[in-house]
Amino acid sequence: MSVKYELIIYWSEEDQAFIVEVPELPGCMADGQTYVEAVSNAEIIIQEWIETAQELGRSIPIPKGRLLYA
């Protein structure tokens, strides 16, 4: 799978893990003990988010690329 959604990745001291947020997909987040693991987990979660939205008949946002959150 090729991820085209923007990923926001940061270290969480509280969780002792890297956190990945996908702003264009509400509630879509993943984590991992390493940066690479977190991104890999995010790829899986994005696919599951899309599959669930399809099953529920919900629209799937088209990736916009870089967003202006920062």
PDB file of N, CA and C in Angstrom:
ATOM      1  N   MET A   1       0.840  -1.180   0.000  1.00  0.00           N
ATOM      2  CA  MET A   1       0.000   0.000   0.000  1.00  0.00           C
ATOM      3  C   MET A   1       0.881   1.238   0.000  1.00  0.00           C
ATOM      4  N   SER A   2       0.511   2.201  -0.787  1.00  0.00           N
ATOM      5  CA  SER A   2       1.235   3.463  -0.842  1.00  0.00           C
ATOM      6  C   SER A   2       0.453   4.503  -0.044  1.00  0.00           C
ATOM      7  N   VAL A   3       1.028   4.968   1.058  1.00  0.00           N
ATOM      8  CA  VAL A   3       0.366   5.952   1.907  1.00  0.00           C
ATOM      9  C   VAL A   3       0.480   7.316   1.259  1.00  0.00           C
ATOM     10  N   LYS A   4      -0.652   7.937   1.003  1.00  0.00           N
ATOM     11  CA  LYS A   4      -0.646   9.268   0.411  1.00  0.00           C
ATOM     12  C   LYS A   4      -1.234  10.307   1.349  1.00  0.00           C
ATOM     13  N   TYR A   5      -1.671   9.864   2.507  1.00  0.00           N
ATOM     14  CA  TYR A   5      -2.194  10.786   3.504  1.00  0.00           C
ATOM     15  C   TYR A   5      -1.038  11.355   4.323  1.00  0.00           C
ATOM     16  N   GLU A   6      -1.214  12.584   4.762  1.00  0.00           N
ATOM     17  CA  GLU A   6      -0.192  13.197   5.605  1.00  0.00           C
ATOM     18  C   GLU A   6      -0.144  12.461   6.944  1.00  0.00           C
ATOM     19  N   LEU A   7       1.067  12.210   7.419  1.00  0.00           N
ATOM     20  CA  LEU A   7       1.279  11.582   8.724  1.00  0.00           C
ATOM     21  C   LEU A   7       1.966  12.590   9.634  1.00  0.00           C
ATOM     22  N   ILE A   8       1.464  12.710  10.841  1.00  0.00           N
ATOM     23  CA  ILE A   8       2.128  13.515  11.860  1.00  0.00           C
ATOM     24  C   ILE A   8       2.718  12.526  12.858  1.00  0.00           C
ATOM     25  N   ILE A   9       4.041  12.567  13.007  1.00  0.00           N
ATOM     26  CA  ILE A   9       4.743  11.578  13.827  1.00  0.00           C
ATOM     27  C   ILE A   9       5.501  12.299  14.931  1.00  0.00           C
ATOM     28  N   TYR A  10       5.328  11.832  16.158  1.00  0.00           N
ATOM     29  CA  TYR A  10       6.036  12.445  17.276  1.00  0.00           C
ATOM     30  C   TYR A  10       6.280  11.408  18.376  1.00  0.00           C
ATOM     31  N   TRP A  11       7.242  11.703  19.236  1.00  0.00           N
ATOM     32  CA  TRP A  11       7.555  10.853  20.381  1.00  0.00           C
ATOM     33  C   TRP A  11       6.683  11.266  21.560  1.00  0.00           C
ATOM     34  N   SER A  12       6.089  10.306  22.231  1.00  0.00           N
ATOM     35  CA  SER A  12       5.286  10.556  23.420  1.00  0.00           C
ATOM     36  C   SER A  12       6.023  10.007  24.638  1.00  0.00           C
ATOM     37  N   GLU A  13       6.453  10.904  25.504  1.00  0.00           N
ATOM     38  CA  GLU A  13       7.108  10.480  26.751  1.00  0.00           C
ATOM     39  C   GLU A  13       6.143   9.668  27.607  1.00  0.00           C
ATOM     40  N   GLU A  14       4.904  10.118  27.652  1.00  0.00           N
ATOM     41  CA  GLU A  14       3.892   9.447  28.474  1.00  0.00           C
ATOM     42  C   GLU A  14       3.695   7.994  28.048  1.00  0.00           C
ATOM     43  N   ASP A  15       3.637   7.765  26.740  1.00  0.00           N
ATOM     44  CA  ASP A  15       3.412   6.415  26.211  1.00  0.00           C
ATOM     45  C   ASP A  15       4.705   5.658  25.950  1.00  0.00           C
ATOM     46  N   GLN A  16       5.826   6.385  25.972  1.00  0.00           N
ATOM     47  CA  GLN A  16       7.127   5.790  25.626  1.00  0.00           C
ATOM     48  C   GLN A  16       7.059   5.104  24.264  1.00  0.00           C
ATOM     49  N   ALA A  17       6.485   5.838  23.299  1.00  0.00           N
ATOM     50  CA  ALA A  17       6.311   5.299  21.951  1.00  0.00           C
ATOM     51  C   ALA A  17       6.201   6.447  20.958  1.00  0.00           C
ATOM     52  N   PHE A  18       6.457   6.129  19.695  1.00  0.00           N
ATOM     53  CA  PHE A  18       6.187   7.082  18.623  1.00  0.00           C
ATOM     54  C   PHE A  18       4.703   7.002  18.301  1.00  0.00           C
ATOM     55  N   ILE A  19       4.078   8.142  18.129  1.00  0.00           N
ATOM     56  CA  ILE A  19       2.661   8.231  17.807  1.00  0.00           C
ATOM     57  C   ILE A  19       2.536   8.759  16.380  1.00  0.00           C
ATOM     58  N   VAL A  20       1.631   8.177  15.614  1.00  0.00           N
ATOM     59  CA  VAL A  20       1.355   8.634  14.256  1.00  0.00           C
ATOM     60  C   VAL A  20      -0.116   9.008  14.183  1.00  0.00           C
ATOM     61  N   GLU A  21      -0.385  10.242  13.773  1.00  0.00           N
ATOM     62  CA  GLU A  21      -1.748  10.700  13.556  1.00  0.00           C
ATOM     63  C   GLU A  21      -1.955  10.904  12.061  1.00  0.00           C
ATOM     64  N   VAL A  22      -3.160  10.598  11.594  1.00  0.00           N
ATOM     65  CA  VAL A  22      -3.519  10.798  10.188  1.00  0.00           C
ATOM     66  C   VAL A  22      -4.678  11.801  10.191  1.00  0.00           C
ATOM     67  N   PRO A  23      -4.361  13.100  10.095  1.00  0.00           N
ATOM     68  CA  PRO A  23      -5.383  14.135  10.282  1.00  0.00           C
ATOM     69  C   PRO A  23      -6.576  14.058   9.330  1.00  0.00           C
ATOM     70  N   GLU A  24      -6.382  13.555   8.136  1.00  0.00           N
ATOM     71  CA  GLU A  24      -7.474  13.513   7.163  1.00  0.00           C
ATOM     72  C   GLU A  24      -8.460  12.376   7.422  1.00  0.00           C
ATOM     73  N   LEU A  25      -8.073  11.422   8.267  1.00  0.00           N
ATOM     74  CA  LEU A  25      -8.946  10.295   8.595  1.00  0.00           C
ATOM     75  C   LEU A  25      -9.269  10.372  10.092  1.00  0.00           C
ATOM     76  N   PRO A  26     -10.412  10.924  10.445  1.00  0.00           N
ATOM     77  CA  PRO A  26     -10.759  11.143  11.850  1.00  0.00           C
ATOM     78  C   PRO A  26     -10.576   9.898  12.717  1.00  0.00           C
ATOM     79  N   GLY A  27      -9.840  10.069  13.809  1.00  0.00           N
ATOM     80  CA  GLY A  27      -9.623   8.984  14.759  1.00  0.00           C
ATOM     81  C   GLY A  27      -8.564   7.988  14.341  1.00  0.00           C
ATOM     82  N   CYS A  28      -7.929   8.194  13.214  1.00  0.00           N
ATOM     83  CA  CYS A  28      -6.932   7.246  12.700  1.00  0.00           C
ATOM     84  C   CYS A  28      -5.565   7.562  13.301  1.00  0.00           C
ATOM     85  N   MET A  29      -5.106   6.675  14.169  1.00  0.00           N
ATOM     86  CA  MET A  29      -3.826   6.836  14.861  1.00  0.00           C
ATOM     87  C   MET A  29      -3.169   5.478  15.039  1.00  0.00           C
ATOM     88  N   ALA A  30      -1.852   5.494  15.180  1.00  0.00           N
ATOM     89  CA  ALA A  30      -1.105   4.267  15.448  1.00  0.00           C
ATOM     90  C   ALA A  30       0.090   4.630  16.316  1.00  0.00           C
ATOM     91  N   ASP A  31       0.762   3.603  16.823  1.00  0.00           N
ATOM     92  CA  ASP A  31       1.971   3.851  17.603  1.00  0.00           C
ATOM     93  C   ASP A  31       2.972   2.737  17.352  1.00  0.00           C
ATOM     94  N   GLY A  32       4.156   2.915  17.901  1.00  0.00           N
ATOM     95  CA  GLY A  32       5.191   1.899  17.766  1.00  0.00           C
ATOM     96  C   GLY A  32       6.390   2.252  18.622  1.00  0.00           C
ATOM     97  N   GLN A  33       7.169   1.250  18.981  1.00  0.00           N
ATOM     98  CA  GLN A  33       8.352   1.462  19.807  1.00  0.00           C
ATOM     99  C   GLN A  33       9.470   2.154  19.032  1.00  0.00           C
ATOM    100  N   THR A  34       9.462   2.012  17.705  1.00  0.00           N
ATOM    101  CA  THR A  34      10.429   2.705  16.852  1.00  0.00           C
ATOM    102  C   THR A  34       9.652   3.521  15.821  1.00  0.00           C
ATOM    103  N   TYR A  35      10.354   4.463  15.204  1.00  0.00           N
ATOM    104  CA  TYR A  35       9.765   5.298  14.160  1.00  0.00           C
ATOM    105  C   TYR A  35       9.231   4.417  13.027  1.00  0.00           C
ATOM    106  N   VAL A  36      10.053   3.487  12.574  1.00  0.00           N
ATOM    107  CA  VAL A  36       9.682   2.604  11.463  1.00  0.00           C
ATOM    108  C   VAL A  36       8.480   1.737  11.833  1.00  0.00           C
ATOM    109  N   GLU A  37       8.473   1.206  13.037  1.00  0.00           N
ATOM    110  CA  GLU A  37       7.343   0.389  13.486  1.00  0.00           C
ATOM    111  C   GLU A  37       6.058   1.213  13.527  1.00  0.00           C
ATOM    112  N   ALA A  38       6.154   2.447  13.995  1.00  0.00           N
ATOM    113  CA  ALA A  38       4.979   3.313  14.078  1.00  0.00           C
ATOM    114  C   ALA A  38       4.407   3.594  12.688  1.00  0.00           C
ATOM    115  N   VAL A  39       5.271   3.895  11.729  1.00  0.00           N
ATOM    116  CA  VAL A  39       4.814   4.158  10.362  1.00  0.00           C
ATOM    117  C   VAL A  39       4.221   2.894   9.739  1.00  0.00           C
ATOM    118  N   SER A  40       4.851   1.757   9.966  1.00  0.00           N
ATOM    119  CA  SER A  40       4.332   0.488   9.458  1.00  0.00           C
ATOM    120  C   SER A  40       2.950   0.198  10.040  1.00  0.00           C
ATOM    121  N   ASN A  41       2.793   0.420  11.342  1.00  0.00           N
ATOM    122  CA  ASN A  41       1.494   0.220  11.981  1.00  0.00           C
ATOM    123  C   ASN A  41       0.457   1.189  11.420  1.00  0.00           C
ATOM    124  N   ALA A  42       0.884   2.417  11.127  1.00  0.00           N
ATOM    125  CA  ALA A  42      -0.033   3.408  10.563  1.00  0.00           C
ATOM    126  C   ALA A  42      -0.535   2.960   9.193  1.00  0.00           C
ATOM    127  N   GLU A  43       0.326   2.370   8.390  1.00  0.00           N
ATOM    128  CA  GLU A  43      -0.091   1.879   7.075  1.00  0.00           C
ATOM    129  C   GLU A  43      -1.207   0.835   7.223  1.00  0.00           C
ATOM    130  N   ILE A  44      -1.068  -0.032   8.200  1.00  0.00           N
ATOM    131  CA  ILE A  44      -2.084  -1.065   8.451  1.00  0.00           C
ATOM    132  C   ILE A  44      -3.386  -0.418   8.912  1.00  0.00           C
ATOM    133  N   ILE A  45      -3.283   0.516   9.837  1.00  0.00           N
ATOM    134  CA  ILE A  45      -4.468   1.172  10.395  1.00  0.00           C
ATOM    135  C   ILE A  45      -5.190   1.998   9.340  1.00  0.00           C
ATOM    136  N   ILE A  46      -4.443   2.649   8.449  1.00  0.00           N
ATOM    137  CA  ILE A  46      -5.073   3.409   7.364  1.00  0.00           C
ATOM    138  C   ILE A  46      -5.897   2.472   6.494  1.00  0.00           C
ATOM    139  N   GLN A  47      -5.334   1.350   6.126  1.00  0.00           N
ATOM    140  CA  GLN A  47      -6.065   0.385   5.294  1.00  0.00           C
ATOM    141  C   GLN A  47      -7.318  -0.116   6.015  1.00  0.00           C
ATOM    142  N   GLU A  48      -7.195  -0.409   7.309  1.00  0.00           N
ATOM    143  CA  GLU A  48      -8.357  -0.867   8.077  1.00  0.00           C
ATOM    144  C   GLU A  48      -9.406   0.235   8.193  1.00  0.00           C
ATOM    145  N   TRP A  49      -8.965   1.496   8.360  1.00  0.00           N
ATOM    146  CA  TRP A  49      -9.890   2.633   8.445  1.00  0.00           C
ATOM    147  C   TRP A  49     -10.689   2.722   7.148  1.00  0.00           C
ATOM    148  N   ILE A  50      -9.992   2.624   6.014  1.00  0.00           N
ATOM    149  CA  ILE A  50     -10.644   2.715   4.707  1.00  0.00           C
ATOM    150  C   ILE A  50     -11.612   1.555   4.501  1.00  0.00           C
ATOM    151  N   GLU A  51     -11.201   0.338   4.843  1.00  0.00           N
ATOM    152  CA  GLU A  51     -12.078  -0.827   4.695  1.00  0.00           C
ATOM    153  C   GLU A  51     -13.337  -0.691   5.543  1.00  0.00           C
ATOM    154  N   THR A  52     -13.180  -0.207   6.775  1.00  0.00           N
ATOM    155  CA  THR A  52     -14.332  -0.026   7.660  1.00  0.00           C
ATOM    156  C   THR A  52     -15.276   1.039   7.102  1.00  0.00           C
ATOM    157  N   ALA A  53     -14.721   2.148   6.616  1.00  0.00           N
ATOM    158  CA  ALA A  53     -15.547   3.204   6.034  1.00  0.00           C
ATOM    159  C   ALA A  53     -16.332   2.670   4.832  1.00  0.00           C
ATOM    160  N   GLN A  54     -15.689   1.861   4.003  1.00  0.00           N
ATOM    161  CA  GLN A  54     -16.369   1.275   2.845  1.00  0.00           C
ATOM    162  C   GLN A  54     -17.506   0.363   3.290  1.00  0.00           C
ATOM    163  N   GLU A  55     -17.257  -0.468   4.297  1.00  0.00           N
ATOM    164  CA  GLU A  55     -18.286  -1.386   4.803  1.00  0.00           C
ATOM    165  C   GLU A  55     -19.487  -0.627   5.357  1.00  0.00           C
ATOM    166  N   LEU A  56     -19.224   0.548   5.953  1.00  0.00           N
ATOM    167  CA  LEU A  56     -20.295   1.349   6.540  1.00  0.00           C
ATOM    168  C   LEU A  56     -20.928   2.308   5.540  1.00  0.00           C
ATOM    169  N   GLY A  57     -20.422   2.310   4.316  1.00  0.00           N
ATOM    170  CA  GLY A  57     -20.966   3.187   3.286  1.00  0.00           C
ATOM    171  C   GLY A  57     -20.585   4.650   3.468  1.00  0.00           C
ATOM    172  N   ARG A  58     -19.502   4.900   4.163  1.00  0.00           N
ATOM    173  CA  ARG A  58     -19.059   6.278   4.407  1.00  0.00           C
ATOM    174  C   ARG A  58     -18.070   6.713   3.329  1.00  0.00           C
ATOM    175  N   SER A  59     -18.001   8.003   3.121  1.00  0.00           N
ATOM    176  CA  SER A  59     -17.067   8.516   2.120  1.00  0.00           C
ATOM    177  C   SER A  59     -15.641   8.454   2.649  1.00  0.00           C
ATOM    178  N   ILE A  60     -14.716   8.298   1.728  1.00  0.00           N
ATOM    179  CA  ILE A  60     -13.295   8.225   2.072  1.00  0.00           C
ATOM    180  C   ILE A  60     -12.624   9.477   1.532  1.00  0.00           C
ATOM    181  N   PRO A  61     -12.016  10.275   2.407  1.00  0.00           N
ATOM    182  CA  PRO A  61     -11.376  11.504   1.942  1.00  0.00           C
ATOM    183  C   PRO A  61     -10.273  11.230   0.925  1.00  0.00           C
ATOM    184  N   ILE A  62     -10.206  12.064  -0.080  1.00  0.00           N
ATOM    185  CA  ILE A  62      -9.115  11.979  -1.055  1.00  0.00           C
ATOM    186  C   ILE A  62      -7.906  12.628  -0.422  1.00  0.00           C
ATOM    187  N   PRO A  63      -6.735  11.972  -0.465  1.00  0.00           N
ATOM    188  CA  PRO A  63      -5.532  12.551   0.143  1.00  0.00           C
ATOM    189  C   PRO A  63      -5.214  13.908  -0.472  1.00  0.00           C
ATOM    190  N   LYS A  64      -4.955  14.886   0.385  1.00  0.00           N
ATOM    191  CA  LYS A  64      -4.642  16.231  -0.077  1.00  0.00           C
ATOM    192  C   LYS A  64      -3.154  16.518  -0.079  1.00  0.00           C
ATOM    193  N   GLY A  65      -2.369  15.592   0.444  1.00  0.00           N
ATOM    194  CA  GLY A  65      -0.936  15.861   0.542  1.00  0.00           C
ATOM    195  C   GLY A  65      -0.639  16.669   1.793  1.00  0.00           C
ATOM    196  N   ARG A  66       0.293  17.556   1.687  1.00  0.00           N
ATOM    197  CA  ARG A  66       0.710  18.343   2.845  1.00  0.00           C
ATOM    198  C   ARG A  66      -0.392  19.295   3.285  1.00  0.00           C
ATOM    199  N   LEU A  67      -0.732  19.215   4.548  1.00  0.00           N
ATOM    200  CA  LEU A  67      -1.743  20.103   5.131  1.00  0.00           C
ATOM    201  C   LEU A  67      -1.026  21.204   5.910  1.00  0.00           C
ATOM    202  N   LEU A  68      -1.736  22.246   6.222  1.00  0.00           N
ATOM    203  CA  LEU A  68      -1.128  23.372   6.921  1.00  0.00           C
ATOM    204  C   LEU A  68      -1.553  23.413   8.376  1.00  0.00           C
ATOM    205  N   TYR A  69      -1.137  22.416   9.158  1.00  0.00           N
ATOM    206  CA  TYR A  69      -1.477  22.382  10.577  1.00  0.00           C
ATOM    207  C   TYR A  69      -0.405  23.055  11.424  1.00  0.00           C
ATOM    208  N   ALA A  70       0.819  23.074  10.974  1.00  0.00           N
ATOM    209  CA  ALA A  70       1.914  23.602  11.790  1.00  0.00           C
ATOM    210  C   ALA A  70       2.033  25.090  11.636  1.00  0.00           C
TER     211      ALA A  70
END
